[in-house]
Structure formats: structure tokens, C-alpha cells
Amino acid sequence: MAGYAELTIEQGADFSTTITVNDNTGNPQNLTSYTAGSQLRKSYYSSTAYDLTAEVTTPANGVITLSMTSANTANLTPGRMLYDVLITSPTGVKTRVVEGIMVIMPSITR
């Protein structure tokens, strides 16, 4: 079962955060040769998706970095969106490791 985390993106600003994927014993999962992907959507059924850059940055310690440039966050509508992070093993097995709500905070300065 995927973990849950509520995150915040500030509209018009660079966004970056890390998550650590743990195995079923609570230890960091070795993600060597894994890839990751992540998207934001307004609802589970929305056809419009916004890609987050998801990169396995410290594979031996199970660390994934999620990021989005300021140019891309500027295009997000303030409010609540849903997101998840999927990892793909070297053999092609896909696993959702985290999901939750992404709060988009509106920008004042443009």
C-alpha cells in the first residue's frame, strides 16, 4: 500500500522535495536501476495531467526527488490537486509508493 503525504507547491516558484521509499521492514529500499514517474491531476478522472520530474537521486537509500520548474508551477491553478509517485523496477514491475494531496498556493508577485 502506498504511503500518504500532503505537499505544497508555491505557484510561480521552483519546487523540489525528496521522499524516501522504505521496504516492508521499514528500511530504505534499494532503488538501483529503478525509474520513477509522478503526475498531478485535479481529480482521479481528470484527463489533464501535469508531470512532476521524479528522479531516483540516491538509489541505495531509496531517495526520490520530485521537482517542477517555476515556469511549470506558474501554469498550475491554485487549489488542491492529487498526485502519486510510481516506481518501475528493472524487470518492469510498477509500484505506487506515495500518493496524496498537493496544495497549490497562489502567487502574488508575477
N, C-alpha and C. Protein backbone atom coordinates (compact mmCIF):
# COMPACT_ATOMS: atom_id res chain seq x y z
N MET A 1 0.85 -1.18 0.00
CA MET A 1 0.00 0.00 0.00
C MET A 1 0.89 1.25 0.00
N ALA A 2 0.51 2.20 -0.81
CA ALA A 2 1.29 3.44 -0.93
C ALA A 2 1.18 4.28 0.33
N GLY A 3 2.26 5.00 0.63
CA GLY A 3 2.23 5.96 1.72
C GLY A 3 1.44 7.19 1.30
N TYR A 4 1.12 8.04 2.26
CA TYR A 4 0.35 9.25 2.01
C TYR A 4 1.14 10.46 2.50
N ALA A 5 1.19 11.51 1.67
CA ALA A 5 1.84 12.75 2.09
C ALA A 5 1.14 13.93 1.43
N GLU A 6 0.87 14.96 2.23
CA GLU A 6 0.32 16.21 1.70
C GLU A 6 1.49 17.16 1.49
N LEU A 7 1.61 17.69 0.27
CA LEU A 7 2.71 18.58 -0.10
C LEU A 7 2.16 19.91 -0.60
N THR A 8 3.02 20.92 -0.65
CA THR A 8 2.63 22.25 -1.11
C THR A 8 3.57 22.73 -2.20
N ILE A 9 2.99 23.27 -3.26
CA ILE A 9 3.75 23.93 -4.32
C ILE A 9 3.36 25.40 -4.30
N GLU A 10 4.34 26.28 -4.34
CA GLU A 10 4.07 27.71 -4.46
C GLU A 10 4.06 28.07 -5.94
N GLN A 11 2.93 28.55 -6.40
CA GLN A 11 2.76 28.91 -7.81
C GLN A 11 3.83 29.90 -8.24
N GLY A 12 4.49 29.63 -9.37
CA GLY A 12 5.50 30.54 -9.91
C GLY A 12 6.88 30.40 -9.29
N ALA A 13 7.05 29.46 -8.37
CA ALA A 13 8.36 29.24 -7.73
C ALA A 13 8.85 27.84 -8.08
N ASP A 14 10.17 27.65 -8.04
CA ASP A 14 10.73 26.32 -8.23
C ASP A 14 10.29 25.43 -7.07
N PHE A 15 9.99 24.18 -7.38
CA PHE A 15 9.54 23.21 -6.37
C PHE A 15 10.50 22.03 -6.37
N SER A 16 10.88 21.58 -5.18
CA SER A 16 11.70 20.38 -5.04
C SER A 16 11.49 19.79 -3.65
N THR A 17 11.32 18.49 -3.59
CA THR A 17 11.20 17.78 -2.33
C THR A 17 11.71 16.36 -2.52
N THR A 18 12.06 15.71 -1.44
CA THR A 18 12.50 14.32 -1.53
C THR A 18 11.57 13.43 -0.74
N ILE A 19 11.48 12.19 -1.21
CA ILE A 19 10.76 11.16 -0.47
C ILE A 19 11.70 9.96 -0.35
N THR A 20 11.55 9.22 0.72
CA THR A 20 12.34 8.01 0.91
C THR A 20 11.39 6.82 0.86
N VAL A 21 11.69 5.88 -0.02
CA VAL A 21 10.89 4.68 -0.16
C VAL A 21 11.45 3.62 0.77
N ASN A 22 10.60 3.09 1.63
CA ASN A 22 11.01 2.05 2.56
C ASN A 22 10.43 0.70 2.14
N ASP A 23 11.15 -0.38 2.47
CA ASP A 23 10.65 -1.72 2.19
C ASP A 23 9.66 -2.13 3.28
N ASN A 24 9.17 -3.36 3.22
CA ASN A 24 8.15 -3.79 4.18
C ASN A 24 8.68 -3.99 5.60
N THR A 25 10.00 -3.87 5.80
CA THR A 25 10.56 -3.95 7.15
C THR A 25 10.86 -2.56 7.71
N GLY A 26 10.59 -1.51 6.91
CA GLY A 26 10.82 -0.15 7.37
C GLY A 26 12.19 0.41 7.03
N ASN A 27 13.01 -0.38 6.34
CA ASN A 27 14.33 0.08 5.92
C ASN A 27 14.26 0.69 4.53
N PRO A 28 15.16 1.64 4.21
CA PRO A 28 15.16 2.22 2.87
C PRO A 28 15.32 1.12 1.81
N GLN A 29 14.48 1.19 0.78
CA GLN A 29 14.52 0.21 -0.30
C GLN A 29 15.60 0.60 -1.30
N ASN A 30 16.41 -0.36 -1.71
CA ASN A 30 17.43 -0.10 -2.71
C ASN A 30 16.75 0.07 -4.07
N LEU A 31 16.87 1.24 -4.65
CA LEU A 31 16.21 1.56 -5.92
C LEU A 31 17.20 1.61 -7.09
N THR A 32 18.32 0.92 -6.96
CA THR A 32 19.29 0.88 -8.05
C THR A 32 18.62 0.31 -9.30
N SER A 33 18.76 1.02 -10.42
CA SER A 33 18.20 0.67 -11.73
C SER A 33 16.68 0.86 -11.82
N TYR A 34 16.05 1.45 -10.80
CA TYR A 34 14.63 1.77 -10.86
C TYR A 34 14.46 3.13 -11.53
N THR A 35 13.29 3.36 -12.08
CA THR A 35 12.91 4.68 -12.57
C THR A 35 11.67 5.11 -11.79
N ALA A 36 11.37 6.41 -11.86
CA ALA A 36 10.21 6.93 -11.14
C ALA A 36 9.44 7.89 -12.04
N GLY A 37 8.16 8.01 -11.79
CA GLY A 37 7.30 8.96 -12.50
C GLY A 37 6.27 9.52 -11.55
N SER A 38 5.80 10.74 -11.86
CA SER A 38 4.82 11.38 -10.99
C SER A 38 3.99 12.37 -11.78
N GLN A 39 2.71 12.46 -11.45
CA GLN A 39 1.80 13.42 -12.09
C GLN A 39 0.87 14.04 -11.06
N LEU A 40 0.39 15.25 -11.43
CA LEU A 40 -0.66 15.95 -10.69
C LEU A 40 -1.92 15.94 -11.55
N ARG A 41 -3.07 15.80 -10.93
CA ARG A 41 -4.37 15.91 -11.62
C ARG A 41 -5.36 16.56 -10.66
N LYS A 42 -6.33 17.25 -11.22
CA LYS A 42 -7.36 17.89 -10.40
C LYS A 42 -8.24 16.85 -9.71
N SER A 43 -8.51 15.74 -10.40
CA SER A 43 -9.28 14.65 -9.81
C SER A 43 -8.74 13.34 -10.36
N TYR A 44 -9.18 12.25 -9.79
CA TYR A 44 -8.74 10.94 -10.27
C TYR A 44 -9.11 10.73 -11.73
N TYR A 45 -10.17 11.37 -12.19
CA TYR A 45 -10.70 11.12 -13.52
C TYR A 45 -10.34 12.21 -14.52
N SER A 46 -9.58 13.21 -14.11
CA SER A 46 -9.21 14.32 -14.98
C SER A 46 -8.32 13.83 -16.12
N SER A 47 -8.61 14.31 -17.34
CA SER A 47 -7.77 13.94 -18.48
C SER A 47 -6.54 14.85 -18.58
N THR A 48 -6.55 15.97 -17.87
CA THR A 48 -5.41 16.89 -17.86
C THR A 48 -4.46 16.50 -16.74
N ALA A 49 -3.19 16.29 -17.11
CA ALA A 49 -2.18 15.91 -16.11
C ALA A 49 -0.98 16.84 -16.25
N TYR A 50 -0.33 17.09 -15.12
CA TYR A 50 0.89 17.89 -15.07
C TYR A 50 2.00 16.97 -14.56
N ASP A 51 3.07 16.85 -15.33
CA ASP A 51 4.17 15.98 -14.93
C ASP A 51 5.09 16.66 -13.92
N LEU A 52 5.40 15.93 -12.88
CA LEU A 52 6.47 16.30 -11.95
C LEU A 52 7.71 15.53 -12.40
N THR A 53 8.87 16.15 -12.33
CA THR A 53 10.10 15.41 -12.56
C THR A 53 10.33 14.53 -11.35
N ALA A 54 10.45 13.23 -11.58
CA ALA A 54 10.69 12.27 -10.48
C ALA A 54 11.97 11.52 -10.82
N GLU A 55 12.98 11.71 -9.99
CA GLU A 55 14.29 11.14 -10.26
C GLU A 55 14.79 10.38 -9.03
N VAL A 56 15.26 9.16 -9.26
CA VAL A 56 15.87 8.38 -8.18
C VAL A 56 17.26 8.98 -7.97
N THR A 57 17.42 9.75 -6.90
CA THR A 57 18.66 10.52 -6.72
C THR A 57 19.68 9.84 -5.81
N THR A 58 19.23 9.03 -4.86
CA THR A 58 20.15 8.26 -4.02
C THR A 58 19.61 6.84 -3.97
N PRO A 59 19.89 6.05 -5.01
CA PRO A 59 19.26 4.74 -5.14
C PRO A 59 19.46 3.81 -3.94
N ALA A 60 20.66 3.73 -3.41
CA ALA A 60 20.93 2.80 -2.30
C ALA A 60 20.13 3.12 -1.05
N ASN A 61 19.73 4.39 -0.90
CA ASN A 61 18.96 4.81 0.27
C ASN A 61 17.49 5.05 -0.04
N GLY A 62 17.04 4.67 -1.23
CA GLY A 62 15.63 4.78 -1.58
C GLY A 62 15.10 6.19 -1.74
N VAL A 63 15.97 7.15 -2.10
CA VAL A 63 15.55 8.55 -2.17
C VAL A 63 15.16 8.94 -3.60
N ILE A 64 13.98 9.52 -3.70
CA ILE A 64 13.45 10.06 -4.95
C ILE A 64 13.25 11.56 -4.77
N THR A 65 13.70 12.34 -5.75
CA THR A 65 13.48 13.79 -5.73
C THR A 65 12.37 14.13 -6.71
N LEU A 66 11.37 14.86 -6.22
CA LEU A 66 10.29 15.39 -7.06
C LEU A 66 10.58 16.86 -7.27
N SER A 67 10.42 17.34 -8.50
CA SER A 67 10.67 18.76 -8.76
C SER A 67 9.82 19.25 -9.91
N MET A 68 9.71 20.58 -9.97
CA MET A 68 8.99 21.26 -11.05
C MET A 68 9.57 22.66 -11.15
N THR A 69 9.81 23.12 -12.37
CA THR A 69 10.38 24.45 -12.56
C THR A 69 9.35 25.53 -12.29
N SER A 70 9.84 26.74 -12.05
CA SER A 70 8.94 27.87 -11.80
C SER A 70 8.05 28.14 -13.00
N ALA A 71 8.57 27.94 -14.21
CA ALA A 71 7.75 28.14 -15.41
C ALA A 71 6.57 27.18 -15.43
N ASN A 72 6.78 25.95 -14.95
CA ASN A 72 5.68 24.98 -14.92
C ASN A 72 4.73 25.20 -13.75
N THR A 73 5.26 25.58 -12.58
CA THR A 73 4.35 25.82 -11.45
C THR A 73 3.49 27.06 -11.69
N ALA A 74 3.99 28.00 -12.51
CA ALA A 74 3.20 29.19 -12.84
C ALA A 74 1.93 28.83 -13.60
N ASN A 75 1.93 27.68 -14.28
CA ASN A 75 0.76 27.24 -15.06
C ASN A 75 -0.26 26.47 -14.24
N LEU A 76 0.04 26.21 -12.98
CA LEU A 76 -0.89 25.47 -12.13
C LEU A 76 -1.95 26.40 -11.54
N THR A 77 -3.17 25.91 -11.47
CA THR A 77 -4.26 26.67 -10.88
C THR A 77 -4.23 26.47 -9.36
N PRO A 78 -4.27 27.56 -8.59
CA PRO A 78 -4.27 27.41 -7.13
C PRO A 78 -5.42 26.53 -6.66
N GLY A 79 -5.16 25.80 -5.60
CA GLY A 79 -6.15 24.89 -5.04
C GLY A 79 -5.52 23.55 -4.72
N ARG A 80 -6.39 22.55 -4.61
CA ARG A 80 -5.92 21.21 -4.27
C ARG A 80 -5.90 20.33 -5.50
N MET A 81 -4.83 19.56 -5.62
CA MET A 81 -4.71 18.57 -6.70
C MET A 81 -4.28 17.25 -6.07
N LEU A 82 -4.40 16.19 -6.83
CA LEU A 82 -3.96 14.87 -6.40
C LEU A 82 -2.66 14.52 -7.11
N TYR A 83 -1.82 13.74 -6.46
CA TYR A 83 -0.58 13.28 -7.10
C TYR A 83 -0.27 11.89 -6.61
N ASP A 84 0.60 11.22 -7.35
CA ASP A 84 1.18 9.98 -6.87
C ASP A 84 2.56 9.81 -7.49
N VAL A 85 3.31 8.86 -6.95
CA VAL A 85 4.65 8.54 -7.44
C VAL A 85 4.68 7.04 -7.70
N LEU A 86 5.05 6.68 -8.93
CA LEU A 86 5.17 5.29 -9.34
C LEU A 86 6.64 4.98 -9.60
N ILE A 87 7.10 3.85 -9.08
CA ILE A 87 8.44 3.39 -9.41
C ILE A 87 8.32 2.18 -10.33
N THR A 88 9.31 2.01 -11.19
CA THR A 88 9.34 0.86 -12.09
C THR A 88 10.65 0.11 -11.84
N SER A 89 10.54 -1.16 -11.53
CA SER A 89 11.72 -1.98 -11.25
C SER A 89 12.46 -2.29 -12.56
N PRO A 90 13.67 -2.79 -12.46
CA PRO A 90 14.41 -3.16 -13.67
C PRO A 90 13.70 -4.23 -14.51
N THR A 91 12.81 -5.01 -13.88
CA THR A 91 12.07 -6.05 -14.62
C THR A 91 10.72 -5.56 -15.13
N GLY A 92 10.40 -4.27 -14.88
CA GLY A 92 9.17 -3.68 -15.39
C GLY A 92 7.99 -3.68 -14.44
N VAL A 93 8.18 -4.11 -13.19
CA VAL A 93 7.10 -4.11 -12.21
C VAL A 93 6.89 -2.68 -11.71
N LYS A 94 5.64 -2.20 -11.80
CA LYS A 94 5.30 -0.84 -11.36
C LYS A 94 4.65 -0.90 -9.98
N THR A 95 5.08 0.02 -9.11
CA THR A 95 4.55 0.09 -7.75
C THR A 95 4.30 1.54 -7.38
N ARG A 96 3.09 1.85 -6.91
CA ARG A 96 2.81 3.19 -6.40
C ARG A 96 3.35 3.25 -4.98
N VAL A 97 4.27 4.20 -4.72
CA VAL A 97 4.93 4.26 -3.42
C VAL A 97 4.42 5.39 -2.52
N VAL A 98 3.87 6.43 -3.12
CA VAL A 98 3.30 7.52 -2.32
C VAL A 98 2.20 8.18 -3.15
N GLU A 99 1.21 8.70 -2.44
CA GLU A 99 0.11 9.43 -3.06
C GLU A 99 -0.37 10.47 -2.06
N GLY A 100 -1.14 11.42 -2.56
CA GLY A 100 -1.67 12.40 -1.63
C GLY A 100 -2.22 13.63 -2.31
N ILE A 101 -2.31 14.67 -1.54
CA ILE A 101 -2.84 15.96 -2.00
C ILE A 101 -1.68 16.92 -2.15
N MET A 102 -1.69 17.66 -3.24
CA MET A 102 -0.72 18.72 -3.48
C MET A 102 -1.50 20.03 -3.44
N VAL A 103 -1.15 20.89 -2.50
CA VAL A 103 -1.82 22.18 -2.38
C VAL A 103 -1.01 23.19 -3.19
N ILE A 104 -1.68 23.84 -4.14
CA ILE A 104 -1.04 24.87 -4.97
C ILE A 104 -1.38 26.22 -4.36
N MET A 105 -0.36 26.90 -3.82
CA MET A 105 -0.55 28.20 -3.19
C MET A 105 -0.40 29.30 -4.25
N PRO A 106 -1.36 30.25 -4.34
CA PRO A 106 -1.30 31.27 -5.38
C PRO A 106 -0.14 32.23 -5.19
N SER A 107 0.32 32.75 -6.32
CA SER A 107 1.42 33.71 -6.32
C SER A 107 0.88 35.13 -6.30
N ILE A 108 1.55 36.01 -5.61
CA ILE A 108 1.21 37.43 -5.61
C ILE A 108 2.11 38.16 -6.62
N THR A 109 3.40 37.90 -6.51
CA THR A 109 4.38 38.54 -7.40
C THR A 109 4.43 37.80 -8.72
N ARG A 110 4.35 38.56 -9.82
CA ARG A 110 4.38 37.95 -11.16
C ARG A 110 5.44 38.59 -12.00
